[in-house]
Amino acid sequence: MAQYLPRYSAPSFGLVAAAAITGGQLVNATGNPATAGDTAVVGVAGHDVVIGGQVTVFHNSVQRPVAAATITAGQIVKAAVNGQVTPYTSGTDSADSRVGVALTGGAAGAQVDVLFER
């Protein structure tokens, strides 16, 4: 996905990419695509960028990341591999890994609307 836009207007900021990032991936504070259970997610990349490039990161509001597994509306989600989202498991996952609540559901590979907590 070359370009990414959140569902609604959202605040954004710039971050230097420490790795290649694809638009729509969750991004962490170090400028990398988020990894499974990442506790440092800061938002969603607004466009593709190469290492050392400046990436626009959208945060808060309703974002549309890609699901790594089936997600149901109302589920709390966390970061998954490749900067995607997956269901959060209370009691197993770190509370710091939560990124938001799914407003829509979808199968793996689908974009889902998520009300971001960050």
C-alpha atoms as a PDB file:
ATOM      1  CA  MET A   1       0.000   0.000   0.000  1.00  0.00           C
ATOM      2  CA  ALA A   2       1.879   3.080  -1.196  1.00  0.00           C
ATOM      3  CA  GLN A   3      -0.371   5.682   0.460  1.00  0.00           C
ATOM      4  CA  TYR A   4      -2.485   5.381   3.577  1.00  0.00           C
ATOM      5  CA  LEU A   5      -5.122   7.699   5.016  1.00  0.00           C
ATOM      6  CA  PRO A   6      -6.941   7.243   8.323  1.00  0.00           C
ATOM      7  CA  ARG A   7     -10.733   6.837   8.320  1.00  0.00           C
ATOM      8  CA  TYR A   8     -11.184  10.363   9.718  1.00  0.00           C
ATOM      9  CA  SER A   9      -8.886  13.347  10.088  1.00  0.00           C
ATOM     10  CA  ALA A  10      -6.140  12.422  12.537  1.00  0.00           C
ATOM     11  CA  PRO A  11      -3.149  14.138  14.101  1.00  0.00           C
ATOM     12  CA  SER A  12       0.218  13.229  12.607  1.00  0.00           C
ATOM     13  CA  PHE A  13       3.932  13.770  13.119  1.00  0.00           C
ATOM     14  CA  GLY A  14       7.153  12.936  11.295  1.00  0.00           C
ATOM     15  CA  LEU A  15       9.571  10.174  12.221  1.00  0.00           C
ATOM     16  CA  VAL A  16      12.839   8.999  10.647  1.00  0.00           C
ATOM     17  CA  ALA A  17      12.483   5.428   9.383  1.00  0.00           C
ATOM     18  CA  ALA A  18      15.014   2.987  10.868  1.00  0.00           C
ATOM     19  CA  ALA A  19      13.815   0.344   8.385  1.00  0.00           C
ATOM     20  CA  ALA A  20      11.770   0.231   5.193  1.00  0.00           C
ATOM     21  CA  ILE A  21       8.131   0.924   6.070  1.00  0.00           C
ATOM     22  CA  THR A  22       4.993   0.356   4.020  1.00  0.00           C
ATOM     23  CA  GLY A  23       2.081   2.780   4.192  1.00  0.00           C
ATOM     24  CA  GLY A  24      -0.569   1.407   6.558  1.00  0.00           C
ATOM     25  CA  GLN A  25       1.856  -0.466   8.829  1.00  0.00           C
ATOM     26  CA  LEU A  26       1.935   0.189  12.563  1.00  0.00           C
ATOM     27  CA  VAL A  27       5.123   2.042  13.441  1.00  0.00           C
ATOM     28  CA  ASN A  28       6.970   2.042  16.752  1.00  0.00           C
ATOM     29  CA  ALA A  29       8.901   4.819  18.494  1.00  0.00           C
ATOM     30  CA  THR A  30      12.234   3.656  17.058  1.00  0.00           C
ATOM     31  CA  GLY A  31      11.030   4.157  13.468  1.00  0.00           C
ATOM     32  CA  ASN A  32      10.522   0.477  12.680  1.00  0.00           C
ATOM     33  CA  PRO A  33       7.417  -1.442  11.609  1.00  0.00           C
ATOM     34  CA  ALA A  34       5.791  -2.755  14.777  1.00  0.00           C
ATOM     35  CA  THR A  35       6.442  -6.355  15.750  1.00  0.00           C
ATOM     36  CA  ALA A  36       4.205  -8.881  17.519  1.00  0.00           C
ATOM     37  CA  GLY A  37       3.182  -7.537  20.933  1.00  0.00           C
ATOM     38  CA  ASP A  38       5.175  -4.312  20.415  1.00  0.00           C
ATOM     39  CA  THR A  39       4.644  -1.970  23.379  1.00  0.00           C
ATOM     40  CA  ALA A  40       6.102   1.104  21.660  1.00  0.00           C
ATOM     41  CA  VAL A  41       3.555   1.567  18.836  1.00  0.00           C
ATOM     42  CA  VAL A  42       3.088   5.267  18.090  1.00  0.00           C
ATOM     43  CA  GLY A  43       0.759   5.159  15.079  1.00  0.00           C
ATOM     44  CA  VAL A  44       0.296   4.151  11.443  1.00  0.00           C
ATOM     45  CA  ALA A  45       2.627   5.014   8.545  1.00  0.00           C
ATOM     46  CA  GLY A  46       1.075   7.356   5.995  1.00  0.00           C
ATOM     47  CA  HIS A  47       3.180   6.184   3.035  1.00  0.00           C
ATOM     48  CA  ASP A  48       6.007   3.911   1.935  1.00  0.00           C
ATOM     49  CA  VAL A  49       9.481   5.035   2.984  1.00  0.00           C
ATOM     50  CA  VAL A  50      13.031   3.697   2.765  1.00  0.00           C
ATOM     51  CA  ILE A  51      15.547   3.537   5.605  1.00  0.00           C
ATOM     52  CA  GLY A  52      16.489   7.050   6.704  1.00  0.00           C
ATOM     53  CA  GLY A  53      13.467   8.654   5.043  1.00  0.00           C
ATOM     54  CA  GLN A  54      10.897  10.793   6.815  1.00  0.00           C
ATOM     55  CA  VAL A  55       7.554   9.046   7.369  1.00  0.00           C
ATOM     56  CA  THR A  56       4.281  10.702   8.351  1.00  0.00           C
ATOM     57  CA  VAL A  57       2.742   8.819  11.286  1.00  0.00           C
ATOM     58  CA  PHE A  58      -0.977   9.140  12.044  1.00  0.00           C
ATOM     59  CA  HIS A  59      -2.018   8.546  15.655  1.00  0.00           C
ATOM     60  CA  ASN A  60      -5.129   8.581  17.817  1.00  0.00           C
ATOM     61  CA  SER A  61      -8.508   8.769  16.040  1.00  0.00           C
ATOM     62  CA  VAL A  62      -9.781   5.897  13.862  1.00  0.00           C
ATOM     63  CA  GLN A  63      -7.021   4.142  11.928  1.00  0.00           C
ATOM     64  CA  ARG A  64      -7.328   1.357   9.318  1.00  0.00           C
ATOM     65  CA  PRO A  65      -4.477  -1.128   9.846  1.00  0.00           C
ATOM     66  CA  VAL A  66      -4.388  -4.578   8.238  1.00  0.00           C
ATOM     67  CA  ALA A  67      -5.515  -7.580  10.295  1.00  0.00           C
ATOM     68  CA  ALA A  68      -3.021 -10.431  10.775  1.00  0.00           C
ATOM     69  CA  ALA A  69      -5.827 -12.714  11.991  1.00  0.00           C
ATOM     70  CA  THR A  70      -9.612 -12.608  12.090  1.00  0.00           C
ATOM     71  CA  ILE A  71     -10.813  -9.663  14.175  1.00  0.00           C
ATOM     72  CA  THR A  72     -14.329  -9.034  15.439  1.00  0.00           C
ATOM     73  CA  ALA A  73     -15.784  -5.584  16.058  1.00  0.00           C
ATOM     74  CA  GLY A  74     -15.399  -4.737  19.737  1.00  0.00           C
ATOM     75  CA  GLN A  75     -12.190  -6.716  20.245  1.00  0.00           C
ATOM     76  CA  ILE A  76      -9.157  -5.029  21.732  1.00  0.00           C
ATOM     77  CA  VAL A  77      -6.207  -5.313  19.352  1.00  0.00           C
ATOM     78  CA  LYS A  78      -2.432  -5.270  19.636  1.00  0.00           C
ATOM     79  CA  ALA A  79       0.465  -5.151  17.188  1.00  0.00           C
ATOM     80  CA  ALA A  80       1.219  -8.265  15.159  1.00  0.00           C
ATOM     81  CA  VAL A  81       4.007  -9.204  12.761  1.00  0.00           C
ATOM     82  CA  ASN A  82       4.664  -6.907   9.800  1.00  0.00           C
ATOM     83  CA  GLY A  83       3.009  -3.904  11.454  1.00  0.00           C
ATOM     84  CA  GLN A  84      -0.454  -5.456  11.376  1.00  0.00           C
ATOM     85  CA  VAL A  85      -2.990  -5.925  14.196  1.00  0.00           C
ATOM     86  CA  THR A  86      -4.297  -9.030  15.925  1.00  0.00           C
ATOM     87  CA  PRO A  87      -6.641  -9.697  18.862  1.00  0.00           C
ATOM     88  CA  TYR A  88      -5.317  -8.845  22.332  1.00  0.00           C
ATOM     89  CA  THR A  89      -5.652 -11.547  25.003  1.00  0.00           C
ATOM     90  CA  SER A  90      -6.387 -10.202  28.484  1.00  0.00           C
ATOM     91  CA  GLY A  91      -4.345 -11.917  31.179  1.00  0.00           C
ATOM     92  CA  THR A  92      -1.769 -13.146  28.657  1.00  0.00           C
ATOM     93  CA  ASP A  93      -0.664 -10.056  26.730  1.00  0.00           C
ATOM     94  CA  SER A  94       0.987  -7.024  28.309  1.00  0.00           C
ATOM     95  CA  ALA A  95      -1.498  -4.205  28.903  1.00  0.00           C
ATOM     96  CA  ASP A  96       1.095  -1.935  27.260  1.00  0.00           C
ATOM     97  CA  SER A  97       0.677  -3.821  23.979  1.00  0.00           C
ATOM     98  CA  ARG A  98      -2.917  -2.639  23.437  1.00  0.00           C
ATOM     99  CA  VAL A  99      -3.287  -0.252  20.500  1.00  0.00           C
ATOM    100  CA  GLY A 100      -7.059   0.159  20.414  1.00  0.00           C
ATOM    101  CA  VAL A 101     -10.542  -1.273  19.918  1.00  0.00           C
ATOM    102  CA  ALA A 102     -11.739  -2.677  16.601  1.00  0.00           C
ATOM    103  CA  LEU A 103     -14.812  -0.843  15.297  1.00  0.00           C
ATOM    104  CA  THR A 104     -15.171  -3.206  12.341  1.00  0.00           C
ATOM    105  CA  GLY A 105     -14.209  -6.819  11.909  1.00  0.00           C
ATOM    106  CA  GLY A 106     -12.385  -8.571   9.137  1.00  0.00           C
ATOM    107  CA  ALA A 107     -10.414 -11.610   8.083  1.00  0.00           C
ATOM    108  CA  ALA A 108      -6.631 -11.777   7.930  1.00  0.00           C
ATOM    109  CA  GLY A 109      -5.397  -9.409   5.234  1.00  0.00           C
ATOM    110  CA  ALA A 110      -8.364  -7.035   5.466  1.00  0.00           C
ATOM    111  CA  GLN A 111      -8.224  -3.458   6.695  1.00  0.00           C
ATOM    112  CA  VAL A 112     -10.150  -2.967   9.949  1.00  0.00           C
ATOM    113  CA  ASP A 113     -11.225   0.266  11.588  1.00  0.00           C
ATOM    114  CA  VAL A 114      -9.545   0.638  14.988  1.00  0.00           C
ATOM    115  CA  LEU A 115     -10.138   3.415  17.522  1.00  0.00           C
ATOM    116  CA  PHE A 116      -6.550   4.006  18.550  1.00  0.00           C
ATOM    117  CA  GLU A 117      -5.693   4.552  22.216  1.00  0.00           C
ATOM    118  CA  ARG A 118      -2.329   6.097  21.299  1.00  0.00           C
END
